[in-house]
Amino acid sequence: MESTTTEACSVDEEDCSDSEVACLMRVGKKSEWLRLFENTEVTVGRGVNVTYQLLSASCPLMISRLHCTFKRKEDGQWTVTDKKVK
């Protein structure tokens, strides 16, 4: 199964006006940065209608179709909500 960690990542100036944005790092066979967009709810899961799709070949049902959401609050802090959906 792939796991995901959160930290700030640098992006090209053309991608945003700030030098840092919040990102998740997907680790495993397919390592990549997943950007967390500030003014939107970012969804993660194995479903087709999510912002970032996570798939597990060894245990596919371990990840819900809509597993969790990331949303930035007005104070700048990020919240992660477990959607508890199968």
N, C-alpha and C. Protein backbone atom coordinates (compact mmCIF):
# COMPACT_ATOMS: atom_id res chain seq x y z
N MET A 1 0.83 -1.18 0.00
CA MET A 1 0.00 0.00 0.00
C MET A 1 0.88 1.24 0.00
N GLU A 2 0.43 2.28 -0.64
CA GLU A 2 1.15 3.54 -0.66
C GLU A 2 0.70 4.37 0.53
N SER A 3 1.61 5.17 1.08
CA SER A 3 1.24 6.06 2.17
C SER A 3 1.48 7.49 1.73
N THR A 4 0.96 8.43 2.51
CA THR A 4 1.04 9.83 2.14
C THR A 4 1.47 10.64 3.35
N THR A 5 2.37 11.61 3.16
CA THR A 5 2.79 12.50 4.23
C THR A 5 2.51 13.93 3.80
N THR A 6 2.42 14.84 4.76
CA THR A 6 2.13 16.24 4.46
C THR A 6 3.33 17.11 4.78
N GLU A 7 3.66 18.03 3.90
CA GLU A 7 4.69 19.03 4.16
C GLU A 7 4.59 20.09 3.07
N ALA A 8 5.41 21.14 3.21
CA ALA A 8 5.42 22.19 2.20
C ALA A 8 6.35 21.79 1.07
N CYS A 9 5.99 22.15 -0.15
CA CYS A 9 6.85 21.84 -1.29
C CYS A 9 7.03 23.10 -2.12
N SER A 10 8.15 23.21 -2.78
CA SER A 10 8.41 24.34 -3.66
C SER A 10 7.83 24.05 -5.03
N VAL A 11 7.34 25.08 -5.67
CA VAL A 11 6.79 24.94 -7.02
C VAL A 11 7.35 26.05 -7.89
N ASP A 12 7.16 25.93 -9.16
CA ASP A 12 7.59 26.97 -10.08
C ASP A 12 6.78 28.24 -9.85
N GLU A 13 7.38 29.39 -10.13
CA GLU A 13 6.70 30.67 -9.92
C GLU A 13 5.42 30.77 -10.73
N GLU A 14 5.37 30.13 -11.87
CA GLU A 14 4.18 30.20 -12.70
C GLU A 14 3.01 29.44 -12.09
N ASP A 15 3.28 28.49 -11.17
CA ASP A 15 2.22 27.72 -10.54
C ASP A 15 1.48 28.51 -9.47
N CYS A 16 2.18 29.42 -8.77
CA CYS A 16 1.53 30.21 -7.73
C CYS A 16 2.37 31.43 -7.42
N SER A 17 1.80 32.39 -6.68
CA SER A 17 2.52 33.61 -6.36
C SER A 17 3.45 33.42 -5.17
N ASP A 18 3.18 32.48 -4.28
CA ASP A 18 4.04 32.21 -3.13
C ASP A 18 5.11 31.19 -3.52
N SER A 19 6.20 31.16 -2.75
CA SER A 19 7.26 30.20 -3.06
C SER A 19 6.98 28.83 -2.46
N GLU A 20 6.05 28.74 -1.52
CA GLU A 20 5.71 27.45 -0.93
C GLU A 20 4.19 27.25 -0.94
N VAL A 21 3.80 26.03 -1.15
CA VAL A 21 2.39 25.64 -1.07
C VAL A 21 2.32 24.36 -0.26
N ALA A 22 1.17 24.08 0.31
CA ALA A 22 0.99 22.83 1.06
C ALA A 22 0.83 21.68 0.08
N CYS A 23 1.52 20.58 0.36
CA CYS A 23 1.47 19.40 -0.50
C CYS A 23 1.45 18.14 0.33
N LEU A 24 0.98 17.08 -0.29
CA LEU A 24 1.13 15.74 0.25
C LEU A 24 2.17 15.04 -0.60
N MET A 25 2.94 14.17 0.01
CA MET A 25 3.88 13.38 -0.79
C MET A 25 3.41 11.94 -0.81
N ARG A 26 3.11 11.45 -2.00
CA ARG A 26 2.74 10.05 -2.18
C ARG A 26 4.04 9.26 -2.24
N VAL A 27 4.13 8.24 -1.40
CA VAL A 27 5.34 7.41 -1.39
C VAL A 27 4.98 5.99 -1.76
N GLY A 28 5.93 5.25 -2.23
CA GLY A 28 5.69 3.88 -2.69
C GLY A 28 6.21 3.73 -4.10
N LYS A 29 5.57 2.87 -4.87
CA LYS A 29 6.01 2.62 -6.25
C LYS A 29 5.89 3.87 -7.11
N LYS A 30 4.88 4.68 -6.86
CA LYS A 30 4.65 5.89 -7.65
C LYS A 30 4.76 7.11 -6.74
N SER A 31 5.98 7.57 -6.49
CA SER A 31 6.22 8.71 -5.61
C SER A 31 5.97 10.01 -6.37
N GLU A 32 5.19 10.91 -5.77
CA GLU A 32 4.91 12.20 -6.41
C GLU A 32 4.37 13.18 -5.38
N TRP A 33 4.44 14.47 -5.71
CA TRP A 33 3.86 15.51 -4.87
C TRP A 33 2.41 15.74 -5.29
N LEU A 34 1.53 15.87 -4.31
CA LEU A 34 0.12 16.16 -4.55
C LEU A 34 -0.19 17.51 -3.91
N ARG A 35 -0.54 18.49 -4.70
CA ARG A 35 -0.75 19.84 -4.19
C ARG A 35 -2.10 19.97 -3.50
N LEU A 36 -2.09 20.65 -2.35
CA LEU A 36 -3.33 20.98 -1.64
C LEU A 36 -3.72 22.40 -2.02
N PHE A 37 -4.81 22.55 -2.72
CA PHE A 37 -5.25 23.86 -3.19
C PHE A 37 -5.92 24.61 -2.04
N GLU A 38 -5.56 25.88 -1.86
CA GLU A 38 -5.97 26.65 -0.69
C GLU A 38 -7.46 26.93 -0.60
N ASN A 39 -8.11 27.26 -1.66
CA ASN A 39 -9.50 27.71 -1.59
C ASN A 39 -10.49 26.64 -2.00
N THR A 40 -10.14 25.40 -1.80
CA THR A 40 -11.03 24.32 -2.19
C THR A 40 -10.85 23.14 -1.25
N GLU A 41 -11.81 22.26 -1.23
CA GLU A 41 -11.72 21.03 -0.46
C GLU A 41 -11.04 19.98 -1.34
N VAL A 42 -9.96 19.41 -0.85
CA VAL A 42 -9.21 18.40 -1.60
C VAL A 42 -9.65 17.03 -1.10
N THR A 43 -10.12 16.18 -2.01
CA THR A 43 -10.62 14.86 -1.64
C THR A 43 -9.63 13.78 -2.07
N VAL A 44 -9.55 12.73 -1.23
CA VAL A 44 -8.64 11.62 -1.48
C VAL A 44 -9.40 10.32 -1.29
N GLY A 45 -9.20 9.36 -2.17
CA GLY A 45 -9.83 8.05 -2.05
C GLY A 45 -9.62 7.23 -3.31
N ARG A 46 -10.26 6.07 -3.37
CA ARG A 46 -10.10 5.21 -4.55
C ARG A 46 -11.18 5.47 -5.60
N GLY A 47 -12.15 6.31 -5.31
CA GLY A 47 -13.22 6.61 -6.25
C GLY A 47 -12.74 7.42 -7.44
N VAL A 48 -13.60 7.55 -8.44
CA VAL A 48 -13.23 8.28 -9.65
C VAL A 48 -13.49 9.78 -9.53
N ASN A 49 -14.33 10.20 -8.59
CA ASN A 49 -14.67 11.61 -8.45
C ASN A 49 -13.94 12.26 -7.28
N VAL A 50 -12.66 11.97 -7.11
CA VAL A 50 -11.86 12.57 -6.04
C VAL A 50 -10.74 13.41 -6.67
N THR A 51 -10.19 14.32 -5.88
CA THR A 51 -9.08 15.14 -6.37
C THR A 51 -7.86 14.27 -6.65
N TYR A 52 -7.51 13.40 -5.68
CA TYR A 52 -6.37 12.50 -5.83
C TYR A 52 -6.81 11.08 -5.54
N GLN A 53 -6.61 10.21 -6.51
CA GLN A 53 -7.03 8.81 -6.38
C GLN A 53 -5.88 7.97 -5.83
N LEU A 54 -6.18 7.17 -4.79
CA LEU A 54 -5.23 6.23 -4.20
C LEU A 54 -5.74 4.83 -4.46
N LEU A 55 -4.88 3.99 -5.01
CA LEU A 55 -5.25 2.61 -5.30
C LEU A 55 -4.27 1.67 -4.62
N SER A 56 -4.76 0.57 -4.10
CA SER A 56 -3.92 -0.44 -3.48
C SER A 56 -4.14 -1.77 -4.18
N ALA A 57 -3.09 -2.31 -4.80
CA ALA A 57 -3.21 -3.59 -5.49
C ALA A 57 -3.35 -4.74 -4.50
N SER A 58 -2.70 -4.63 -3.34
CA SER A 58 -2.71 -5.73 -2.38
C SER A 58 -3.98 -5.77 -1.53
N CYS A 59 -4.58 -4.62 -1.26
CA CYS A 59 -5.78 -4.58 -0.41
C CYS A 59 -6.68 -3.42 -0.86
N PRO A 60 -7.34 -3.54 -2.01
CA PRO A 60 -8.06 -2.41 -2.61
C PRO A 60 -9.18 -1.83 -1.75
N LEU A 61 -9.86 -2.65 -0.96
CA LEU A 61 -10.99 -2.14 -0.18
C LEU A 61 -10.56 -1.46 1.12
N MET A 62 -9.26 -1.43 1.39
CA MET A 62 -8.76 -0.75 2.58
C MET A 62 -8.91 0.77 2.43
N ILE A 63 -8.93 1.25 1.21
CA ILE A 63 -9.10 2.67 0.93
C ILE A 63 -10.53 2.90 0.47
N SER A 64 -11.23 3.80 1.13
CA SER A 64 -12.62 4.10 0.78
C SER A 64 -12.69 4.87 -0.54
N ARG A 65 -13.87 4.85 -1.18
CA ARG A 65 -14.05 5.63 -2.41
C ARG A 65 -13.79 7.10 -2.13
N LEU A 66 -14.33 7.61 -1.04
CA LEU A 66 -14.05 8.96 -0.55
C LEU A 66 -13.48 8.79 0.85
N HIS A 67 -12.17 8.68 0.94
CA HIS A 67 -11.50 8.31 2.19
C HIS A 67 -11.39 9.48 3.16
N CYS A 68 -10.93 10.64 2.68
CA CYS A 68 -10.79 11.81 3.55
C CYS A 68 -10.78 13.08 2.72
N THR A 69 -10.92 14.20 3.43
CA THR A 69 -10.84 15.51 2.78
C THR A 69 -9.84 16.38 3.53
N PHE A 70 -9.20 17.27 2.80
CA PHE A 70 -8.30 18.27 3.36
C PHE A 70 -8.91 19.62 3.05
N LYS A 71 -8.96 20.50 4.06
CA LYS A 71 -9.52 21.83 3.84
C LYS A 71 -8.76 22.83 4.70
N ARG A 72 -8.43 23.97 4.14
CA ARG A 72 -7.72 25.00 4.88
C ARG A 72 -8.72 25.91 5.57
N LYS A 73 -8.51 26.13 6.87
CA LYS A 73 -9.38 27.01 7.64
C LYS A 73 -8.92 28.46 7.47
N GLU A 74 -9.75 29.39 7.93
CA GLU A 74 -9.44 30.81 7.79
C GLU A 74 -8.15 31.21 8.49
N ASP A 75 -7.79 30.50 9.58
CA ASP A 75 -6.57 30.82 10.32
C ASP A 75 -5.31 30.24 9.67
N GLY A 76 -5.46 29.57 8.52
CA GLY A 76 -4.33 29.01 7.80
C GLY A 76 -4.02 27.57 8.12
N GLN A 77 -4.65 27.02 9.14
CA GLN A 77 -4.43 25.62 9.52
C GLN A 77 -5.23 24.70 8.60
N TRP A 78 -4.67 23.52 8.33
CA TRP A 78 -5.36 22.52 7.51
C TRP A 78 -6.07 21.52 8.39
N THR A 79 -7.26 21.11 8.00
CA THR A 79 -7.97 20.04 8.70
C THR A 79 -8.07 18.83 7.78
N VAL A 80 -8.00 17.67 8.39
CA VAL A 80 -8.18 16.41 7.68
C VAL A 80 -9.41 15.75 8.27
N THR A 81 -10.38 15.42 7.43
CA THR A 81 -11.61 14.80 7.89
C THR A 81 -11.73 13.40 7.31
N ASP A 82 -11.84 12.42 8.20
CA ASP A 82 -12.07 11.03 7.79
C ASP A 82 -13.54 10.92 7.40
N LYS A 83 -13.82 10.57 6.17
CA LYS A 83 -15.20 10.53 5.68
C LYS A 83 -15.93 9.25 6.08
N LYS A 84 -15.22 8.24 6.55
CA LYS A 84 -15.82 6.99 7.03
C LYS A 84 -16.83 6.41 6.04
N VAL A 85 -16.46 6.42 4.78
CA VAL A 85 -17.31 5.90 3.70
C VAL A 85 -16.63 4.68 3.12
N LYS A 86 -17.40 3.64 2.79
CA LYS A 86 -16.80 2.44 2.19
C LYS A 86 -16.94 2.46 0.74
